[in-house]
Amino acid sequence: MNEPQVDPSSTSLDPKVAGLLCYVLGFITGIIFLVVEKKSRFVKFHAMQSVIALGLLSIAEIVLSQIPFIGWIASFLIILLYLVLWITLMLMALQGRWFKLPYIGDIAEQQAGNFK
């Protein structure tokens, strides 16, 4: 499968490093790169995927942690999923891969093309 090229970033960072940084502080750095990045679809894709995926997991964890017992267990599992995704997505971005999560990756890819 051919992945799109990694285009240069307007941030003067290597686009692979910028893609990794989109995930470093979860959805917060994703939002920052959505605002700052003007050129690179690669960086915008990873920023949008970070905002959607890590943002949704954060919200789910906060909500579930308020429910005694079952919610606490589910919240713990979400935290584990978050950590695995967080590390995986950072590594994939650093390798220059357009690693798309199911459903969320398609939305992120579509939205990355809409930001100009």
N, C-alpha and C. Protein backbone atom coordinates (compact mmCIF):
# COMPACT_ATOMS: atom_id res chain seq x y z
N MET A 1 0.85 -1.17 0.00
CA MET A 1 0.00 0.00 0.00
C MET A 1 0.89 1.23 0.00
N ASN A 2 0.64 2.15 -0.90
CA ASN A 2 1.41 3.38 -0.98
C ASN A 2 0.82 4.43 -0.06
N GLU A 3 1.68 4.97 0.79
CA GLU A 3 1.25 6.04 1.68
C GLU A 3 1.61 7.37 1.02
N PRO A 4 0.82 8.41 1.28
CA PRO A 4 1.16 9.73 0.74
C PRO A 4 2.52 10.19 1.26
N GLN A 5 3.15 11.06 0.50
CA GLN A 5 4.43 11.60 0.90
C GLN A 5 4.29 12.44 2.17
N VAL A 6 5.38 12.54 2.91
CA VAL A 6 5.43 13.42 4.08
C VAL A 6 5.91 14.77 3.57
N ASP A 7 5.01 15.75 3.55
CA ASP A 7 5.34 17.06 3.03
C ASP A 7 5.96 17.94 4.12
N PRO A 8 6.74 18.96 3.73
CA PRO A 8 7.42 19.81 4.71
C PRO A 8 6.43 20.54 5.62
N SER A 9 6.88 20.80 6.82
CA SER A 9 6.05 21.49 7.80
C SER A 9 6.34 22.98 7.78
N SER A 10 5.32 23.77 8.02
CA SER A 10 5.50 25.22 8.11
C SER A 10 6.08 25.65 9.45
N THR A 11 6.26 24.71 10.36
CA THR A 11 6.79 25.02 11.70
C THR A 11 8.31 25.03 11.73
N SER A 12 8.96 24.72 10.63
CA SER A 12 10.41 24.58 10.48
C SER A 12 10.96 23.37 11.25
N LEU A 13 10.08 22.53 11.75
CA LEU A 13 10.47 21.25 12.35
C LEU A 13 10.43 20.19 11.26
N ASP A 14 11.18 19.11 11.48
CA ASP A 14 11.03 17.95 10.63
C ASP A 14 9.57 17.50 10.76
N PRO A 15 8.86 17.24 9.66
CA PRO A 15 7.44 16.88 9.77
C PRO A 15 7.20 15.61 10.59
N LYS A 16 8.16 14.70 10.59
CA LYS A 16 8.00 13.49 11.40
C LYS A 16 8.07 13.82 12.89
N VAL A 17 8.95 14.73 13.26
CA VAL A 17 9.06 15.16 14.65
C VAL A 17 7.80 15.95 15.03
N ALA A 18 7.34 16.81 14.13
CA ALA A 18 6.11 17.57 14.40
C ALA A 18 4.93 16.62 14.57
N GLY A 19 4.87 15.56 13.75
CA GLY A 19 3.81 14.56 13.89
C GLY A 19 3.86 13.88 15.24
N LEU A 20 5.06 13.53 15.70
CA LEU A 20 5.21 12.95 17.03
C LEU A 20 4.76 13.93 18.11
N LEU A 21 5.15 15.19 17.97
CA LEU A 21 4.80 16.19 18.98
C LEU A 21 3.29 16.42 19.07
N CYS A 22 2.56 16.10 18.02
CA CYS A 22 1.09 16.23 18.05
C CYS A 22 0.48 15.37 19.15
N TYR A 23 1.19 14.32 19.56
CA TYR A 23 0.67 13.38 20.55
C TYR A 23 1.28 13.54 21.94
N VAL A 24 2.39 14.26 22.06
CA VAL A 24 3.17 14.28 23.30
C VAL A 24 2.34 14.64 24.53
N LEU A 25 1.55 15.68 24.46
CA LEU A 25 0.70 16.08 25.59
C LEU A 25 -0.76 15.74 25.31
N GLY A 26 -0.96 14.65 24.60
CA GLY A 26 -2.32 14.23 24.28
C GLY A 26 -2.98 15.18 23.31
N PHE A 27 -4.28 15.37 23.47
CA PHE A 27 -5.03 16.19 22.53
C PHE A 27 -4.63 17.67 22.61
N ILE A 28 -3.98 18.09 23.68
CA ILE A 28 -3.58 19.50 23.83
C ILE A 28 -2.56 19.89 22.77
N THR A 29 -1.53 19.08 22.57
CA THR A 29 -0.55 19.40 21.53
C THR A 29 -1.16 19.20 20.14
N GLY A 30 -2.15 18.32 20.03
CA GLY A 30 -2.86 18.19 18.77
C GLY A 30 -3.56 19.50 18.40
N ILE A 31 -4.21 20.11 19.36
CA ILE A 31 -4.88 21.39 19.12
C ILE A 31 -3.87 22.47 18.75
N ILE A 32 -2.74 22.49 19.46
CA ILE A 32 -1.71 23.49 19.17
C ILE A 32 -1.23 23.35 17.72
N PHE A 33 -0.96 22.12 17.29
CA PHE A 33 -0.47 21.93 15.91
C PHE A 33 -1.56 22.18 14.87
N LEU A 34 -2.81 21.98 15.22
CA LEU A 34 -3.88 22.34 14.28
C LEU A 34 -3.90 23.84 14.03
N VAL A 35 -3.58 24.60 15.05
CA VAL A 35 -3.56 26.06 14.93
C VAL A 35 -2.30 26.55 14.23
N VAL A 36 -1.15 25.94 14.55
CA VAL A 36 0.14 26.44 14.09
C VAL A 36 0.49 25.97 12.68
N GLU A 37 0.19 24.72 12.37
CA GLU A 37 0.61 24.15 11.08
C GLU A 37 -0.22 24.72 9.93
N LYS A 38 0.45 25.20 8.91
CA LYS A 38 -0.23 25.81 7.76
C LYS A 38 -0.10 25.00 6.47
N LYS A 39 0.94 24.15 6.35
CA LYS A 39 1.22 23.47 5.08
C LYS A 39 1.04 21.97 5.10
N SER A 40 1.62 21.30 6.04
CA SER A 40 1.78 19.85 6.00
C SER A 40 0.49 19.09 6.32
N ARG A 41 -0.02 18.36 5.33
CA ARG A 41 -1.18 17.50 5.58
C ARG A 41 -0.83 16.39 6.55
N PHE A 42 0.41 15.92 6.51
CA PHE A 42 0.87 14.87 7.42
C PHE A 42 0.75 15.32 8.87
N VAL A 43 1.26 16.50 9.16
CA VAL A 43 1.21 17.02 10.53
C VAL A 43 -0.24 17.30 10.92
N LYS A 44 -1.02 17.89 10.01
CA LYS A 44 -2.43 18.18 10.32
C LYS A 44 -3.22 16.90 10.56
N PHE A 45 -2.91 15.85 9.79
CA PHE A 45 -3.57 14.56 9.99
C PHE A 45 -3.29 14.02 11.39
N HIS A 46 -2.02 14.02 11.80
CA HIS A 46 -1.68 13.50 13.12
C HIS A 46 -2.24 14.39 14.23
N ALA A 47 -2.27 15.69 14.00
CA ALA A 47 -2.85 16.60 15.00
C ALA A 47 -4.35 16.32 15.16
N MET A 48 -5.05 16.15 14.06
CA MET A 48 -6.49 15.90 14.13
C MET A 48 -6.78 14.53 14.74
N GLN A 49 -5.99 13.53 14.37
CA GLN A 49 -6.18 12.20 14.95
C GLN A 49 -5.92 12.23 16.45
N SER A 50 -4.94 13.01 16.88
CA SER A 50 -4.65 13.17 18.30
C SER A 50 -5.82 13.81 19.03
N VAL A 51 -6.36 14.87 18.47
CA VAL A 51 -7.47 15.58 19.10
C VAL A 51 -8.68 14.66 19.24
N ILE A 52 -9.02 13.95 18.17
CA ILE A 52 -10.22 13.10 18.19
C ILE A 52 -10.01 11.89 19.10
N ALA A 53 -8.98 11.10 18.83
CA ALA A 53 -8.79 9.83 19.56
C ALA A 53 -8.47 10.05 21.03
N LEU A 54 -7.46 10.85 21.30
CA LEU A 54 -7.05 11.04 22.68
C LEU A 54 -8.04 11.91 23.44
N GLY A 55 -8.69 12.81 22.75
CA GLY A 55 -9.74 13.61 23.38
C GLY A 55 -10.93 12.76 23.80
N LEU A 56 -11.39 11.88 22.90
CA LEU A 56 -12.52 11.00 23.23
C LEU A 56 -12.17 10.04 24.38
N LEU A 57 -10.96 9.49 24.35
CA LEU A 57 -10.56 8.60 25.43
C LEU A 57 -10.46 9.35 26.77
N SER A 58 -10.00 10.58 26.73
CA SER A 58 -9.91 11.38 27.96
C SER A 58 -11.29 11.65 28.53
N ILE A 59 -12.22 12.01 27.67
CA ILE A 59 -13.59 12.28 28.12
C ILE A 59 -14.22 11.00 28.69
N ALA A 60 -14.05 9.89 27.98
CA ALA A 60 -14.61 8.61 28.44
C ALA A 60 -14.03 8.22 29.80
N GLU A 61 -12.74 8.42 29.98
CA GLU A 61 -12.10 8.07 31.25
C GLU A 61 -12.64 8.94 32.39
N ILE A 62 -12.81 10.23 32.14
CA ILE A 62 -13.33 11.13 33.17
C ILE A 62 -14.75 10.74 33.56
N VAL A 63 -15.58 10.47 32.57
CA VAL A 63 -16.97 10.10 32.84
C VAL A 63 -17.04 8.77 33.60
N LEU A 64 -16.32 7.77 33.12
CA LEU A 64 -16.38 6.45 33.75
C LEU A 64 -15.78 6.43 35.15
N SER A 65 -14.81 7.28 35.38
CA SER A 65 -14.18 7.29 36.71
C SER A 65 -15.14 7.79 37.79
N GLN A 66 -16.25 8.39 37.39
CA GLN A 66 -17.25 8.88 38.35
C GLN A 66 -18.23 7.79 38.78
N ILE A 67 -18.20 6.65 38.10
CA ILE A 67 -19.11 5.55 38.41
C ILE A 67 -18.38 4.56 39.32
N PRO A 68 -18.91 4.29 40.50
CA PRO A 68 -18.21 3.37 41.42
C PRO A 68 -18.06 1.97 40.84
N PHE A 69 -16.99 1.33 41.22
CA PHE A 69 -16.63 -0.06 40.93
C PHE A 69 -16.52 -0.38 39.44
N ILE A 70 -17.62 -0.63 38.75
CA ILE A 70 -17.55 -1.01 37.33
C ILE A 70 -16.92 0.12 36.52
N GLY A 71 -17.31 1.33 36.80
CA GLY A 71 -16.75 2.49 36.10
C GLY A 71 -15.26 2.65 36.36
N TRP A 72 -14.83 2.35 37.58
CA TRP A 72 -13.41 2.45 37.91
C TRP A 72 -12.60 1.42 37.14
N ILE A 73 -13.14 0.24 37.00
CA ILE A 73 -12.45 -0.82 36.24
C ILE A 73 -12.39 -0.42 34.76
N ALA A 74 -13.51 0.04 34.23
CA ALA A 74 -13.54 0.47 32.83
C ALA A 74 -12.60 1.66 32.61
N SER A 75 -12.56 2.56 33.57
CA SER A 75 -11.68 3.72 33.50
C SER A 75 -10.22 3.28 33.46
N PHE A 76 -9.87 2.30 34.27
CA PHE A 76 -8.51 1.78 34.28
C PHE A 76 -8.16 1.16 32.92
N LEU A 77 -9.09 0.42 32.33
CA LEU A 77 -8.85 -0.19 31.02
C LEU A 77 -8.68 0.88 29.94
N ILE A 78 -9.43 1.95 30.05
CA ILE A 78 -9.30 3.05 29.08
C ILE A 78 -7.93 3.71 29.23
N ILE A 79 -7.47 3.85 30.46
CA ILE A 79 -6.13 4.42 30.68
C ILE A 79 -5.07 3.54 30.02
N LEU A 80 -5.20 2.22 30.15
CA LEU A 80 -4.25 1.31 29.50
C LEU A 80 -4.31 1.45 27.98
N LEU A 81 -5.52 1.50 27.44
CA LEU A 81 -5.69 1.69 25.99
C LEU A 81 -5.07 3.01 25.55
N TYR A 82 -5.30 4.06 26.32
CA TYR A 82 -4.75 5.38 26.03
C TYR A 82 -3.22 5.31 25.93
N LEU A 83 -2.58 4.67 26.91
CA LEU A 83 -1.13 4.57 26.93
C LEU A 83 -0.59 3.81 25.72
N VAL A 84 -1.24 2.69 25.39
CA VAL A 84 -0.81 1.91 24.24
C VAL A 84 -0.97 2.72 22.95
N LEU A 85 -2.12 3.35 22.79
CA LEU A 85 -2.34 4.18 21.59
C LEU A 85 -1.36 5.33 21.53
N TRP A 86 -1.16 5.99 22.65
CA TRP A 86 -0.29 7.15 22.73
C TRP A 86 1.11 6.81 22.23
N ILE A 87 1.67 5.72 22.75
CA ILE A 87 3.01 5.30 22.35
C ILE A 87 3.04 4.86 20.89
N THR A 88 2.06 4.06 20.48
CA THR A 88 2.00 3.57 19.10
C THR A 88 1.88 4.72 18.11
N LEU A 89 0.99 5.67 18.37
CA LEU A 89 0.78 6.79 17.45
C LEU A 89 2.01 7.68 17.36
N MET A 90 2.70 7.89 18.47
CA MET A 90 3.93 8.69 18.43
C MET A 90 4.99 7.99 17.58
N LEU A 91 5.16 6.69 17.77
CA LEU A 91 6.16 5.95 17.00
C LEU A 91 5.82 5.94 15.50
N MET A 92 4.56 5.75 15.18
CA MET A 92 4.16 5.73 13.77
C MET A 92 4.40 7.09 13.11
N ALA A 93 4.09 8.17 13.82
CA ALA A 93 4.33 9.50 13.27
C ALA A 93 5.83 9.74 13.08
N LEU A 94 6.64 9.32 14.04
CA LEU A 94 8.08 9.51 13.94
C LEU A 94 8.67 8.72 12.78
N GLN A 95 8.05 7.60 12.42
CA GLN A 95 8.49 6.80 11.28
C GLN A 95 7.97 7.36 9.95
N GLY A 96 7.15 8.40 10.02
CA GLY A 96 6.61 9.01 8.80
C GLY A 96 5.43 8.25 8.22
N ARG A 97 4.77 7.44 9.03
CA ARG A 97 3.64 6.63 8.56
C ARG A 97 2.32 7.34 8.81
N TRP A 98 1.43 7.19 7.87
CA TRP A 98 0.05 7.71 7.99
C TRP A 98 -0.79 6.61 8.66
N PHE A 99 -0.48 6.27 9.88
CA PHE A 99 -1.16 5.21 10.60
C PHE A 99 -2.55 5.70 11.01
N LYS A 100 -3.57 5.09 10.39
CA LYS A 100 -4.94 5.54 10.63
C LYS A 100 -5.66 4.58 11.56
N LEU A 101 -6.22 5.14 12.62
CA LEU A 101 -7.08 4.36 13.50
C LEU A 101 -8.40 4.09 12.77
N PRO A 102 -9.07 2.99 13.06
CA PRO A 102 -10.37 2.74 12.43
C PRO A 102 -11.33 3.91 12.70
N TYR A 103 -12.07 4.31 11.70
CA TYR A 103 -13.06 5.38 11.74
C TYR A 103 -12.43 6.74 12.03
N ILE A 104 -11.74 6.87 13.13
CA ILE A 104 -11.15 8.16 13.52
C ILE A 104 -10.10 8.60 12.51
N GLY A 105 -9.29 7.68 12.03
CA GLY A 105 -8.26 8.00 11.05
C GLY A 105 -8.84 8.53 9.75
N ASP A 106 -9.96 7.96 9.33
CA ASP A 106 -10.62 8.45 8.10
C ASP A 106 -11.13 9.87 8.29
N ILE A 107 -11.71 10.15 9.44
CA ILE A 107 -12.19 11.50 9.74
C ILE A 107 -11.01 12.47 9.80
N ALA A 108 -9.94 12.07 10.46
CA ALA A 108 -8.76 12.92 10.58
C ALA A 108 -8.15 13.20 9.22
N GLU A 109 -8.08 12.19 8.36
CA GLU A 109 -7.52 12.37 7.02
C GLU A 109 -8.37 13.33 6.20
N GLN A 110 -9.68 13.17 6.29
CA GLN A 110 -10.59 14.06 5.56
C GLN A 110 -10.45 15.50 6.06
N GLN A 111 -10.40 15.68 7.37
CA GLN A 111 -10.30 17.02 7.94
C GLN A 111 -8.94 17.65 7.67
N ALA A 112 -7.90 16.85 7.61
CA ALA A 112 -6.55 17.39 7.35
C ALA A 112 -6.49 18.06 5.99
N GLY A 113 -7.25 17.55 5.04
CA GLY A 113 -7.30 18.16 3.72
C GLY A 113 -8.15 19.42 3.68
N ASN A 114 -9.01 19.60 4.67
CA ASN A 114 -9.90 20.76 4.69
C ASN A 114 -9.26 21.99 5.33
N PHE A 115 -8.19 21.81 6.11
CA PHE A 115 -7.53 22.96 6.74
C PHE A 115 -6.55 23.56 5.75
N LYS A 116 -6.72 24.81 5.49
CA LYS A 116 -5.81 25.50 4.56
C LYS A 116 -5.13 26.64 5.26
